[in-house]
Each structure stands twice: as C-alpha cells, then as structure tokens.
C-alpha cells in the first residue's frame, strides 16, 4: 500500500507520498508555490534543494521542481503589454511565489497522488489581468513521477500562457547528454544558435541554453543518472541551466521560448471559460 504522510517542517505543512517498499517518494510543499521539494528513486534523493531558500519567503526557492506559470523565463524589463496597459511580471511568473491549497490526497496499492490548487486573487490580477484556476496533480507510480496540469480560464477573454517546470537535479558535474534528434541549440549566453553534438557543457555558462523537442520523449544523462522525460505535445523545448558553485543541473521542460509574452507570436491562448490540460512525467535510473 502506498502511503501519504502529512507533517510540519518549520512553518510549512509538507506531504510525502511513498512507494510500499519505501524506495521511491515525492515530497510536496503546497504553501511554498506548490513545489515538489523531493523526488527519490532507488532509495536515493534525486533533487537538489537549498533549504535556506525554501524557508525564507523573501527568496525564490533554489531547488526542487518550481512551477512556472503563467510564463517560463524572463521578460524584457520584467514587463509586458496587454490590451492598453503595461504590467510587471516576475521571472517565471506567479505560481512559485504564491501559496497553493490542497484539494485531495489518495493512495492505494498501485499509486498515490496529491492535487493542489492555485487560484487568481486581487494581487495576481494586478500583475496578470485574468481570473484562473490552476490544478496540479502529482502522482507517484512505481518510481515514476507524473505531473498533470490543468489551466482553467475563468475570464471572458482568451488567457495567454506558456507554462513550464524547473527541476533541479543533483549533480557534481556540469555536462549534460541529451538524446534529442535536433541539430542545433540556442545559447542565451551570446544569443547564438550553435551545432548540437549530443551533449552540452554548462561549466562556464551563466545563462541557459535551449533545445527544441522534436519528440515527446527526452532522455538526459547527468552525472551517471538517466533522466527520462515524457511530455505532452505542447512542451516544445528543453532548457538547461546551472549555477557554477552549486551541485545541481536543471533540465527543464518548457512550452515556449523565453520572452514570448513580449513577442506574442506563439502564445498558448486558453479560450474564455475553457481549460487547457497537459502533463509531464519523470523517471530516473
């Protein structure tokens, strides 16, 4: 039987979903941006987490799997224009800096899941003028983590989004191998497109690099770990990023490129009073 443990850590309520053997798990902190703080397989924690940033609400969490919504990445001057107004938008959007609420938890002999909710408020509408509900369901099945995402537009006009995820995988090395049948990648460090040879060395890079997903399966090799990602078709890109003095590499599924809310050429627009559903899964060997 899968188990779900609810416990307090510092000022937050945490939830841990665990396989019957105890060898795989996910840990979730709904109040801190709905973030997954831990993901274990083969009795080994796979995610990096800087706990000091987790428990300091003034900081963005460094680690776990932050949720990126309504945008992934940055905007020019952290601003965008919509309608006849200019709005400020933090890097990676709003979801990771607001508390989420728990809707449901469930476990049986085959899996366990937790569903959590982030909804619009007066504070979000000052930055992003839409009424919405976002529901994430985190499911542990075996050693697989499935993240189902539901983006509901409660407004009377189409709602622009390009969500993503920001997993921090533990790694002492900065070279990432990727099984993606693409010939080039985009380097945000010098804003140039470069030839892709099967791996990318992030050792001396400050900014991220971006690769197009030509298939819905991506296999990354990081410090002898095989990270298998499967994703729904809207996730068009994989982004790689690290910090040089930290023991992690980020392998991030994004739906659109950095800055899309400035360009507004390839946005996902959720119709009025409609819902956009999608998913990503991870499995680490």
C-alpha atoms as a PDB file:
ATOM      1  CA  UNK A   1       0.000   0.000   0.000  1.00  0.00           C
ATOM      2  CA  UNK A   2       1.308   3.441  -0.939  1.00  0.00           C
ATOM      3  CA  UNK A   3       1.344   5.880   1.957  1.00  0.00           C
ATOM      4  CA  UNK A   4       0.869   9.649   2.318  1.00  0.00           C
ATOM      5  CA  UNK A   5       2.396  11.334   5.352  1.00  0.00           C
ATOM      6  CA  UNK A   6       1.419  14.864   6.360  1.00  0.00           C
ATOM      7  CA  UNK A   7       3.913  16.604   8.629  1.00  0.00           C
ATOM      8  CA  UNK A   8       5.097  20.030   9.750  1.00  0.00           C
ATOM      9  CA  UNK A   9       8.548  21.343   8.897  1.00  0.00           C
ATOM     10  CA  UNK A  10       9.477  24.782  10.116  1.00  0.00           C
ATOM     11  CA  UNK A  11       6.407  26.914   9.246  1.00  0.00           C
ATOM     12  CA  UNK A  12       5.147  24.737   6.383  1.00  0.00           C
ATOM     13  CA  UNK A  13       2.929  21.679   6.056  1.00  0.00           C
ATOM     14  CA  UNK A  14       4.581  19.018   3.911  1.00  0.00           C
ATOM     15  CA  UNK A  15       3.167  15.925   2.213  1.00  0.00           C
ATOM     16  CA  UNK A  16       5.244  12.865   1.344  1.00  0.00           C
ATOM     17  CA  UNK A  17       3.936  10.177  -0.995  1.00  0.00           C
ATOM     18  CA  UNK A  18       5.854   6.925  -0.684  1.00  0.00           C
ATOM     19  CA  UNK A  19       6.052   3.590  -2.505  1.00  0.00           C
ATOM     20  CA  UNK A  20       5.206   0.498  -0.376  1.00  0.00           C
ATOM     21  CA  UNK A  21       8.880  -0.531  -0.381  1.00  0.00           C
ATOM     22  CA  UNK A  22       9.948   2.930   0.755  1.00  0.00           C
ATOM     23  CA  UNK A  23      12.432   3.106  -2.134  1.00  0.00           C
ATOM     24  CA  UNK A  24      10.703   5.911  -4.052  1.00  0.00           C
ATOM     25  CA  UNK A  25       8.880   9.030  -2.918  1.00  0.00           C
ATOM     26  CA  UNK A  26       7.855  12.589  -3.677  1.00  0.00           C
ATOM     27  CA  UNK A  27       7.635  15.400  -1.128  1.00  0.00           C
ATOM     28  CA  UNK A  28       5.412  18.437  -1.722  1.00  0.00           C
ATOM     29  CA  UNK A  29       5.129  21.820  -0.015  1.00  0.00           C
ATOM     30  CA  UNK A  30       1.825  23.349  -1.215  1.00  0.00           C
ATOM     31  CA  UNK A  31       2.231  26.600   0.724  1.00  0.00           C
ATOM     32  CA  UNK A  32       5.555  27.384  -0.976  1.00  0.00           C
ATOM     33  CA  UNK A  33       4.397  27.690  -4.563  1.00  0.00           C
ATOM     34  CA  UNK A  34       3.070  24.135  -4.821  1.00  0.00           C
ATOM     35  CA  UNK A  35       6.659  22.963  -5.140  1.00  0.00           C
ATOM     36  CA  UNK A  36       7.936  19.397  -5.149  1.00  0.00           C
ATOM     37  CA  UNK A  37      10.868  19.554  -2.715  1.00  0.00           C
ATOM     38  CA  UNK A  38      11.977  15.938  -3.041  1.00  0.00           C
ATOM     39  CA  UNK A  39      11.828  13.055  -5.511  1.00  0.00           C
ATOM     40  CA  UNK A  40      13.523   9.780  -4.667  1.00  0.00           C
ATOM     41  CA  UNK A  41      14.139   6.624  -6.689  1.00  0.00           C
ATOM     42  CA  UNK A  42      16.127   3.511  -5.798  1.00  0.00           C
ATOM     43  CA  UNK A  43      16.256   4.818  -2.228  1.00  0.00           C
ATOM     44  CA  UNK A  44      18.192   7.924  -3.321  1.00  0.00           C
ATOM     45  CA  UNK A  45      17.084  11.549  -3.315  1.00  0.00           C
ATOM     46  CA  UNK A  46      17.419  12.895  -6.851  1.00  0.00           C
ATOM     47  CA  UNK A  47      16.621  16.587  -6.386  1.00  0.00           C
ATOM     48  CA  UNK A  48      18.844  19.359  -5.130  1.00  0.00           C
ATOM     49  CA  UNK A  49      17.280  21.639  -2.510  1.00  0.00           C
ATOM     50  CA  UNK A  50      18.669  24.670  -0.738  1.00  0.00           C
ATOM     51  CA  UNK A  51      16.511  24.538   2.403  1.00  0.00           C
ATOM     52  CA  UNK A  52      17.501  28.045   3.464  1.00  0.00           C
ATOM     53  CA  UNK A  53      15.712  29.438   0.399  1.00  0.00           C
ATOM     54  CA  UNK A  54      12.718  27.151   0.951  1.00  0.00           C
ATOM     55  CA  UNK A  55      12.064  28.517   4.434  1.00  0.00           C
ATOM     56  CA  UNK A  56      12.794  32.159   3.608  1.00  0.00           C
ATOM     57  CA  UNK A  57       9.708  33.599   1.921  1.00  0.00           C
ATOM     58  CA  UNK A  58      11.715  36.594   0.705  1.00  0.00           C
ATOM     59  CA  UNK A  59      13.785  34.355  -1.564  1.00  0.00           C
ATOM     60  CA  UNK A  60      12.938  32.304  -4.631  1.00  0.00           C
ATOM     61  CA  UNK A  61      13.402  28.628  -3.850  1.00  0.00           C
ATOM     62  CA  UNK A  62      16.602  27.185  -5.247  1.00  0.00           C
ATOM     63  CA  UNK A  63      15.852  23.533  -5.758  1.00  0.00           C
ATOM     64  CA  UNK A  64      13.043  21.024  -6.059  1.00  0.00           C
ATOM     65  CA  UNK A  65      10.683  21.435  -9.012  1.00  0.00           C
ATOM     66  CA  UNK A  66       9.304  25.005  -9.099  1.00  0.00           C
ATOM     67  CA  UNK A  67       6.137  25.603 -11.109  1.00  0.00           C
ATOM     68  CA  UNK A  68       6.431  28.179 -13.914  1.00  0.00           C
ATOM     69  CA  UNK A  69       3.099  29.909 -14.671  1.00  0.00           C
ATOM     70  CA  UNK A  70       1.776  31.856 -16.499  1.00  0.00           C
ATOM     71  CA  UNK A  71       5.191  32.245 -18.138  1.00  0.00           C
ATOM     72  CA  UNK A  72       8.502  30.421 -18.294  1.00  0.00           C
ATOM     73  CA  UNK A  73      11.612  32.569 -18.215  1.00  0.00           C
ATOM     74  CA  UNK A  74      12.060  36.317 -18.206  1.00  0.00           C
ATOM     75  CA  UNK A  75      10.538  39.365 -19.849  1.00  0.00           C
ATOM     76  CA  UNK A  76      12.330  42.456 -21.067  1.00  0.00           C
ATOM     77  CA  UNK A  77      12.495  44.846 -18.113  1.00  0.00           C
ATOM     78  CA  UNK A  78      10.170  42.352 -16.367  1.00  0.00           C
ATOM     79  CA  UNK A  79       7.233  43.951 -18.195  1.00  0.00           C
ATOM     80  CA  UNK A  80       4.719  43.162 -20.934  1.00  0.00           C
ATOM     81  CA  UNK A  81       1.897  44.940 -22.727  1.00  0.00           C
ATOM     82  CA  UNK A  82      -1.605  43.530 -22.886  1.00  0.00           C
ATOM     83  CA  UNK A  83      -4.619  45.420 -24.110  1.00  0.00           C
ATOM     84  CA  UNK A  84      -3.924  49.071 -23.403  1.00  0.00           C
ATOM     85  CA  UNK A  85      -1.862  48.505 -20.262  1.00  0.00           C
ATOM     86  CA  UNK A  86       1.651  47.659 -19.186  1.00  0.00           C
ATOM     87  CA  UNK A  87       2.106  45.061 -16.461  1.00  0.00           C
ATOM     88  CA  UNK A  88       5.053  43.943 -14.351  1.00  0.00           C
ATOM     89  CA  UNK A  89       5.740  40.205 -14.230  1.00  0.00           C
ATOM     90  CA  UNK A  90       8.336  38.394 -12.077  1.00  0.00           C
ATOM     91  CA  UNK A  91      10.726  35.929 -13.673  1.00  0.00           C
ATOM     92  CA  UNK A  92       8.948  32.596 -14.242  1.00  0.00           C
ATOM     93  CA  UNK A  93       5.577  34.102 -13.342  1.00  0.00           C
ATOM     94  CA  UNK A  94       3.371  33.899 -10.270  1.00  0.00           C
ATOM     95  CA  UNK A  95       2.756  30.287  -9.280  1.00  0.00           C
ATOM     96  CA  UNK A  96       6.056  29.727  -7.499  1.00  0.00           C
ATOM     97  CA  UNK A  97       5.671  32.782  -5.225  1.00  0.00           C
ATOM     98  CA  UNK A  98       2.096  32.191  -4.035  1.00  0.00           C
ATOM     99  CA  UNK A  99       0.644  29.552  -1.706  1.00  0.00           C
ATOM    100  CA  UNK A 100      -1.389  26.684  -3.109  1.00  0.00           C
ATOM    101  CA  UNK A 101      -4.140  24.769  -1.327  1.00  0.00           C
ATOM    102  CA  UNK A 102      -4.624  21.018  -1.094  1.00  0.00           C
ATOM    103  CA  UNK A 103      -7.722  19.668  -2.828  1.00  0.00           C
ATOM    104  CA  UNK A 104      -7.299  15.907  -2.419  1.00  0.00           C
ATOM    105  CA  UNK A 105      -4.893  13.141  -1.486  1.00  0.00           C
ATOM    106  CA  UNK A 106      -5.310   9.467  -2.318  1.00  0.00           C
ATOM    107  CA  UNK A 107      -3.335   6.249  -2.111  1.00  0.00           C
ATOM    108  CA  UNK A 108      -3.945   2.555  -2.823  1.00  0.00           C
ATOM    109  CA  UNK A 109      -1.897  -0.487  -3.850  1.00  0.00           C
ATOM    110  CA  UNK A 110      -0.970   0.946  -7.258  1.00  0.00           C
ATOM    111  CA  UNK A 111      -0.237   4.650  -6.793  1.00  0.00           C
ATOM    112  CA  UNK A 112      -0.592   7.772  -4.672  1.00  0.00           C
ATOM    113  CA  UNK A 113      -1.447  11.329  -5.661  1.00  0.00           C
ATOM    114  CA  UNK A 114      -1.970  14.806  -4.301  1.00  0.00           C
ATOM    115  CA  UNK A 115      -3.992  17.503  -6.108  1.00  0.00           C
ATOM    116  CA  UNK A 116      -3.290  21.144  -5.309  1.00  0.00           C
ATOM    117  CA  UNK A 117      -4.852  24.441  -6.415  1.00  0.00           C
ATOM    118  CA  UNK A 118      -3.562  27.922  -7.248  1.00  0.00           C
ATOM    119  CA  UNK A 119      -6.275  30.480  -7.975  1.00  0.00           C
ATOM    120  CA  UNK A 120      -6.305  34.117  -9.052  1.00  0.00           C
ATOM    121  CA  UNK A 121      -6.672  36.884  -6.493  1.00  0.00           C
ATOM    122  CA  UNK A 122      -6.582  40.667  -6.319  1.00  0.00           C
ATOM    123  CA  UNK A 123      -2.791  40.532  -6.062  1.00  0.00           C
ATOM    124  CA  UNK A 124      -2.358  38.275  -9.103  1.00  0.00           C
ATOM    125  CA  UNK A 125      -4.782  40.340 -11.191  1.00  0.00           C
ATOM    126  CA  UNK A 126      -2.663  43.440 -10.607  1.00  0.00           C
ATOM    127  CA  UNK A 127       0.113  41.633 -12.488  1.00  0.00           C
ATOM    128  CA  UNK A 128      -1.841  39.293 -14.747  1.00  0.00           C
ATOM    129  CA  UNK A 129      -5.411  40.507 -15.502  1.00  0.00           C
ATOM    130  CA  UNK A 130      -7.156  37.146 -15.697  1.00  0.00           C
ATOM    131  CA  UNK A 131      -9.302  35.005 -13.436  1.00  0.00           C
ATOM    132  CA  UNK A 132      -7.975  31.457 -13.361  1.00  0.00           C
ATOM    133  CA  UNK A 133      -7.664  28.181 -11.511  1.00  0.00           C
ATOM    134  CA  UNK A 134      -4.571  26.008 -11.885  1.00  0.00           C
ATOM    135  CA  UNK A 135      -4.724  22.440 -10.582  1.00  0.00           C
ATOM    136  CA  UNK A 136      -1.634  20.230 -10.432  1.00  0.00           C
ATOM    137  CA  UNK A 137      -1.878  16.542  -9.608  1.00  0.00           C
ATOM    138  CA  UNK A 138       1.380  14.917  -8.568  1.00  0.00           C
ATOM    139  CA  UNK A 139       1.234  11.122  -8.894  1.00  0.00           C
ATOM    140  CA  UNK A 140       3.797   8.553  -7.775  1.00  0.00           C
ATOM    141  CA  UNK A 141       3.515   5.212  -9.547  1.00  0.00           C
ATOM    142  CA  UNK A 142       6.475   2.898  -9.001  1.00  0.00           C
ATOM    143  CA  UNK A 143       9.453   5.205  -9.408  1.00  0.00           C
ATOM    144  CA  UNK A 144       7.676   7.421 -11.952  1.00  0.00           C
ATOM    145  CA  UNK A 145       6.548  10.972 -11.165  1.00  0.00           C
ATOM    146  CA  UNK A 146       3.606  12.186 -13.252  1.00  0.00           C
ATOM    147  CA  UNK A 147       2.615  15.861 -13.159  1.00  0.00           C
ATOM    148  CA  UNK A 148      -0.824  16.522 -14.632  1.00  0.00           C
ATOM    149  CA  UNK A 149      -1.615  20.192 -15.145  1.00  0.00           C
ATOM    150  CA  UNK A 150      -4.986  21.868 -15.633  1.00  0.00           C
ATOM    151  CA  UNK A 151      -5.144  25.578 -16.512  1.00  0.00           C
ATOM    152  CA  UNK A 152      -8.698  26.913 -16.346  1.00  0.00           C
ATOM    153  CA  UNK A 153      -9.537  30.346 -17.730  1.00  0.00           C
ATOM    154  CA  UNK A 154     -12.420  31.851 -15.754  1.00  0.00           C
ATOM    155  CA  UNK A 155     -12.278  35.116 -17.714  1.00  0.00           C
ATOM    156  CA  UNK A 156     -14.394  36.261 -20.647  1.00  0.00           C
ATOM    157  CA  UNK A 157     -11.386  36.730 -22.943  1.00  0.00           C
ATOM    158  CA  UNK A 158      -8.610  34.337 -24.061  1.00  0.00           C
ATOM    159  CA  UNK A 159      -5.851  33.879 -21.468  1.00  0.00           C
ATOM    160  CA  UNK A 160      -2.187  33.779 -22.654  1.00  0.00           C
ATOM    161  CA  UNK A 161       0.100  31.219 -21.020  1.00  0.00           C
ATOM    162  CA  UNK A 162       3.307  29.299 -21.668  1.00  0.00           C
ATOM    163  CA  UNK A 163       3.942  27.246 -18.543  1.00  0.00           C
ATOM    164  CA  UNK A 164       6.899  25.055 -17.673  1.00  0.00           C
ATOM    165  CA  UNK A 165       8.730  23.192 -14.920  1.00  0.00           C
ATOM    166  CA  UNK A 166      12.147  23.888 -13.384  1.00  0.00           C
ATOM    167  CA  UNK A 167      13.600  20.633 -11.930  1.00  0.00           C
ATOM    168  CA  UNK A 168      16.905  20.870 -10.058  1.00  0.00           C
ATOM    169  CA  UNK A 169      18.701  17.522 -10.317  1.00  0.00           C
ATOM    170  CA  UNK A 170      21.602  16.725  -8.007  1.00  0.00           C
ATOM    171  CA  UNK A 171      24.866  16.663  -9.892  1.00  0.00           C
ATOM    172  CA  UNK A 172      28.551  17.243  -9.233  1.00  0.00           C
ATOM    173  CA  UNK A 173      29.168  17.588 -12.967  1.00  0.00           C
ATOM    174  CA  UNK A 174      28.005  20.192 -15.451  1.00  0.00           C
ATOM    175  CA  UNK A 175      27.982  18.160 -18.672  1.00  0.00           C
ATOM    176  CA  UNK A 176      24.525  17.072 -19.846  1.00  0.00           C
ATOM    177  CA  UNK A 177      23.980  14.436 -22.509  1.00  0.00           C
ATOM    178  CA  UNK A 178      20.687  14.621 -24.364  1.00  0.00           C
ATOM    179  CA  UNK A 179      19.011  12.104 -26.628  1.00  0.00           C
ATOM    180  CA  UNK A 180      17.170  14.610 -28.819  1.00  0.00           C
ATOM    181  CA  UNK A 181      17.242  14.329 -32.620  1.00  0.00           C
ATOM    182  CA  UNK A 182      17.950  18.008 -33.177  1.00  0.00           C
ATOM    183  CA  UNK A 183      20.967  19.559 -34.905  1.00  0.00           C
ATOM    184  CA  UNK A 184      21.179  22.902 -33.103  1.00  0.00           C
ATOM    185  CA  UNK A 185      20.595  24.625 -29.781  1.00  0.00           C
ATOM    186  CA  UNK A 186      20.202  28.266 -28.771  1.00  0.00           C
ATOM    187  CA  UNK A 187      22.747  29.708 -26.349  1.00  0.00           C
ATOM    188  CA  UNK A 188      21.327  32.604 -24.308  1.00  0.00           C
ATOM    189  CA  UNK A 189      24.855  33.500 -23.157  1.00  0.00           C
ATOM    190  CA  UNK A 190      25.830  35.006 -26.504  1.00  0.00           C
ATOM    191  CA  UNK A 191      22.411  34.777 -28.204  1.00  0.00           C
ATOM    192  CA  UNK A 192      23.680  32.493 -30.944  1.00  0.00           C
ATOM    193  CA  UNK A 193      22.426  29.253 -32.459  1.00  0.00           C
ATOM    194  CA  UNK A 194      25.059  26.516 -32.294  1.00  0.00           C
ATOM    195  CA  UNK A 195      25.588  22.966 -33.508  1.00  0.00           C
ATOM    196  CA  UNK A 196      24.364  20.271 -31.130  1.00  0.00           C
ATOM    197  CA  UNK A 197      26.598  17.201 -30.876  1.00  0.00           C
ATOM    198  CA  UNK A 198      24.719  15.186 -28.256  1.00  0.00           C
ATOM    199  CA  UNK A 199      25.941  16.862 -25.088  1.00  0.00           C
ATOM    200  CA  UNK A 200      26.345  20.359 -23.677  1.00  0.00           C
ATOM    201  CA  UNK A 201      28.962  21.511 -21.186  1.00  0.00           C
ATOM    202  CA  UNK A 202      27.460  24.109 -18.831  1.00  0.00           C
ATOM    203  CA  UNK A 203      30.677  24.540 -16.843  1.00  0.00           C
ATOM    204  CA  UNK A 204      31.398  28.126 -17.876  1.00  0.00           C
ATOM    205  CA  UNK A 205      27.876  29.258 -18.784  1.00  0.00           C
ATOM    206  CA  UNK A 206      25.928  31.767 -16.701  1.00  0.00           C
ATOM    207  CA  UNK A 207      22.727  31.798 -18.731  1.00  0.00           C
ATOM    208  CA  UNK A 208      20.615  28.908 -20.011  1.00  0.00           C
ATOM    209  CA  UNK A 209      20.604  27.065 -23.320  1.00  0.00           C
ATOM    210  CA  UNK A 210      17.513  25.887 -25.175  1.00  0.00           C
ATOM    211  CA  UNK A 211      16.832  22.874 -27.398  1.00  0.00           C
ATOM    212  CA  UNK A 212      13.753  22.115 -29.429  1.00  0.00           C
ATOM    213  CA  UNK A 213      11.902  18.915 -28.562  1.00  0.00           C
ATOM    214  CA  UNK A 214      11.265  17.126 -31.846  1.00  0.00           C
ATOM    215  CA  UNK A 215       9.703  14.195 -29.970  1.00  0.00           C
ATOM    216  CA  UNK A 216       7.645  13.825 -26.798  1.00  0.00           C
ATOM    217  CA  UNK A 217      10.408  11.811 -25.118  1.00  0.00           C
ATOM    218  CA  UNK A 218      13.685  13.279 -23.911  1.00  0.00           C
ATOM    219  CA  UNK A 219      16.458  11.320 -22.229  1.00  0.00           C
ATOM    220  CA  UNK A 220      19.085  13.291 -20.328  1.00  0.00           C
ATOM    221  CA  UNK A 221      22.266  11.891 -18.803  1.00  0.00           C
ATOM    222  CA  UNK A 222      23.519  13.877 -15.818  1.00  0.00           C
ATOM    223  CA  UNK A 223      26.389  12.643 -13.632  1.00  0.00           C
ATOM    224  CA  UNK A 224      25.661   8.955 -14.408  1.00  0.00           C
ATOM    225  CA  UNK A 225      21.921   9.426 -13.892  1.00  0.00           C
ATOM    226  CA  UNK A 226      19.474   8.752 -16.723  1.00  0.00           C
ATOM    227  CA  UNK A 227      16.556  11.159 -16.559  1.00  0.00           C
ATOM    228  CA  UNK A 228      13.712  10.037 -18.785  1.00  0.00           C
ATOM    229  CA  UNK A 229      11.149  12.732 -19.505  1.00  0.00           C
ATOM    230  CA  UNK A 230       7.919  12.140 -21.348  1.00  0.00           C
ATOM    231  CA  UNK A 231       5.673  15.065 -22.109  1.00  0.00           C
ATOM    232  CA  UNK A 232       2.559  16.167 -23.857  1.00  0.00           C
ATOM    233  CA  UNK A 233       2.951  17.759 -27.290  1.00  0.00           C
ATOM    234  CA  UNK A 234       2.758  21.427 -26.114  1.00  0.00           C
ATOM    235  CA  UNK A 235       6.134  21.095 -24.364  1.00  0.00           C
ATOM    236  CA  UNK A 236       8.222  22.186 -27.317  1.00  0.00           C
ATOM    237  CA  UNK A 237      11.537  22.887 -25.567  1.00  0.00           C
ATOM    238  CA  UNK A 238      14.106  21.609 -23.081  1.00  0.00           C
ATOM    239  CA  UNK A 239      16.100  24.253 -21.197  1.00  0.00           C
ATOM    240  CA  UNK A 240      19.410  23.544 -19.427  1.00  0.00           C
ATOM    241  CA  UNK A 241      20.788  25.786 -16.672  1.00  0.00           C
ATOM    242  CA  UNK A 242      23.066  25.678 -13.652  1.00  0.00           C
ATOM    243  CA  UNK A 243      24.928  27.824 -11.125  1.00  0.00           C
ATOM    244  CA  UNK A 244      28.652  27.251 -11.187  1.00  0.00           C
ATOM    245  CA  UNK A 245      29.253  26.887  -7.449  1.00  0.00           C
ATOM    246  CA  UNK A 246      26.210  24.705  -6.759  1.00  0.00           C
ATOM    247  CA  UNK A 247      25.731  20.934  -7.050  1.00  0.00           C
ATOM    248  CA  UNK A 248      22.831  20.802  -9.498  1.00  0.00           C
ATOM    249  CA  UNK A 249      21.856  20.876 -13.141  1.00  0.00           C
ATOM    250  CA  UNK A 250      18.383  21.945 -14.272  1.00  0.00           C
ATOM    251  CA  UNK A 251      16.731  20.045 -17.123  1.00  0.00           C
ATOM    252  CA  UNK A 252      13.518  21.958 -17.724  1.00  0.00           C
ATOM    253  CA  UNK A 253      10.505  21.190 -19.934  1.00  0.00           C
ATOM    254  CA  UNK A 254       9.077  24.459 -21.309  1.00  0.00           C
ATOM    255  CA  UNK A 255       6.134  25.011 -23.629  1.00  0.00           C
ATOM    256  CA  UNK A 256       7.511  28.135 -25.329  1.00  0.00           C
ATOM    257  CA  UNK A 257      10.701  30.199 -25.579  1.00  0.00           C
ATOM    258  CA  UNK A 258      11.915  32.842 -23.172  1.00  0.00           C
ATOM    259  CA  UNK A 259      10.212  36.246 -23.638  1.00  0.00           C
ATOM    260  CA  UNK A 260       7.180  35.036 -25.580  1.00  0.00           C
ATOM    261  CA  UNK A 261       4.805  37.388 -23.740  1.00  0.00           C
ATOM    262  CA  UNK A 262       6.832  40.278 -25.179  1.00  0.00           C
ATOM    263  CA  UNK A 263       6.725  38.926 -28.752  1.00  0.00           C
ATOM    264  CA  UNK A 264       3.194  37.444 -28.543  1.00  0.00           C
ATOM    265  CA  UNK A 265       3.783  35.376 -31.690  1.00  0.00           C
ATOM    266  CA  UNK A 266       3.445  31.826 -30.315  1.00  0.00           C
ATOM    267  CA  UNK A 267       1.444  32.075 -27.103  1.00  0.00           C
ATOM    268  CA  UNK A 268      -0.849  29.334 -25.866  1.00  0.00           C
ATOM    269  CA  UNK A 269      -4.207  31.052 -25.539  1.00  0.00           C
ATOM    270  CA  UNK A 270      -6.751  29.314 -23.335  1.00  0.00           C
ATOM    271  CA  UNK A 271     -10.221  30.220 -24.668  1.00  0.00           C
ATOM    272  CA  UNK A 272     -12.630  32.092 -22.426  1.00  0.00           C
ATOM    273  CA  UNK A 273     -14.312  29.813 -19.878  1.00  0.00           C
ATOM    274  CA  UNK A 274     -12.238  26.866 -21.059  1.00  0.00           C
ATOM    275  CA  UNK A 275      -9.447  24.632 -19.743  1.00  0.00           C
ATOM    276  CA  UNK A 276      -6.047  23.641 -21.097  1.00  0.00           C
ATOM    277  CA  UNK A 277      -4.788  20.271 -19.820  1.00  0.00           C
ATOM    278  CA  UNK A 278      -1.291  18.875 -20.237  1.00  0.00           C
ATOM    279  CA  UNK A 279       1.272  16.667 -18.486  1.00  0.00           C
ATOM    280  CA  UNK A 280       4.926  15.780 -17.956  1.00  0.00           C
ATOM    281  CA  UNK A 281       6.455  12.665 -16.375  1.00  0.00           C
ATOM    282  CA  UNK A 282       9.912  11.891 -14.967  1.00  0.00           C
ATOM    283  CA  UNK A 283      11.650   8.590 -14.318  1.00  0.00           C
ATOM    284  CA  UNK A 284      15.240   8.387 -13.110  1.00  0.00           C
ATOM    285  CA  UNK A 285      17.508   5.365 -13.386  1.00  0.00           C
END
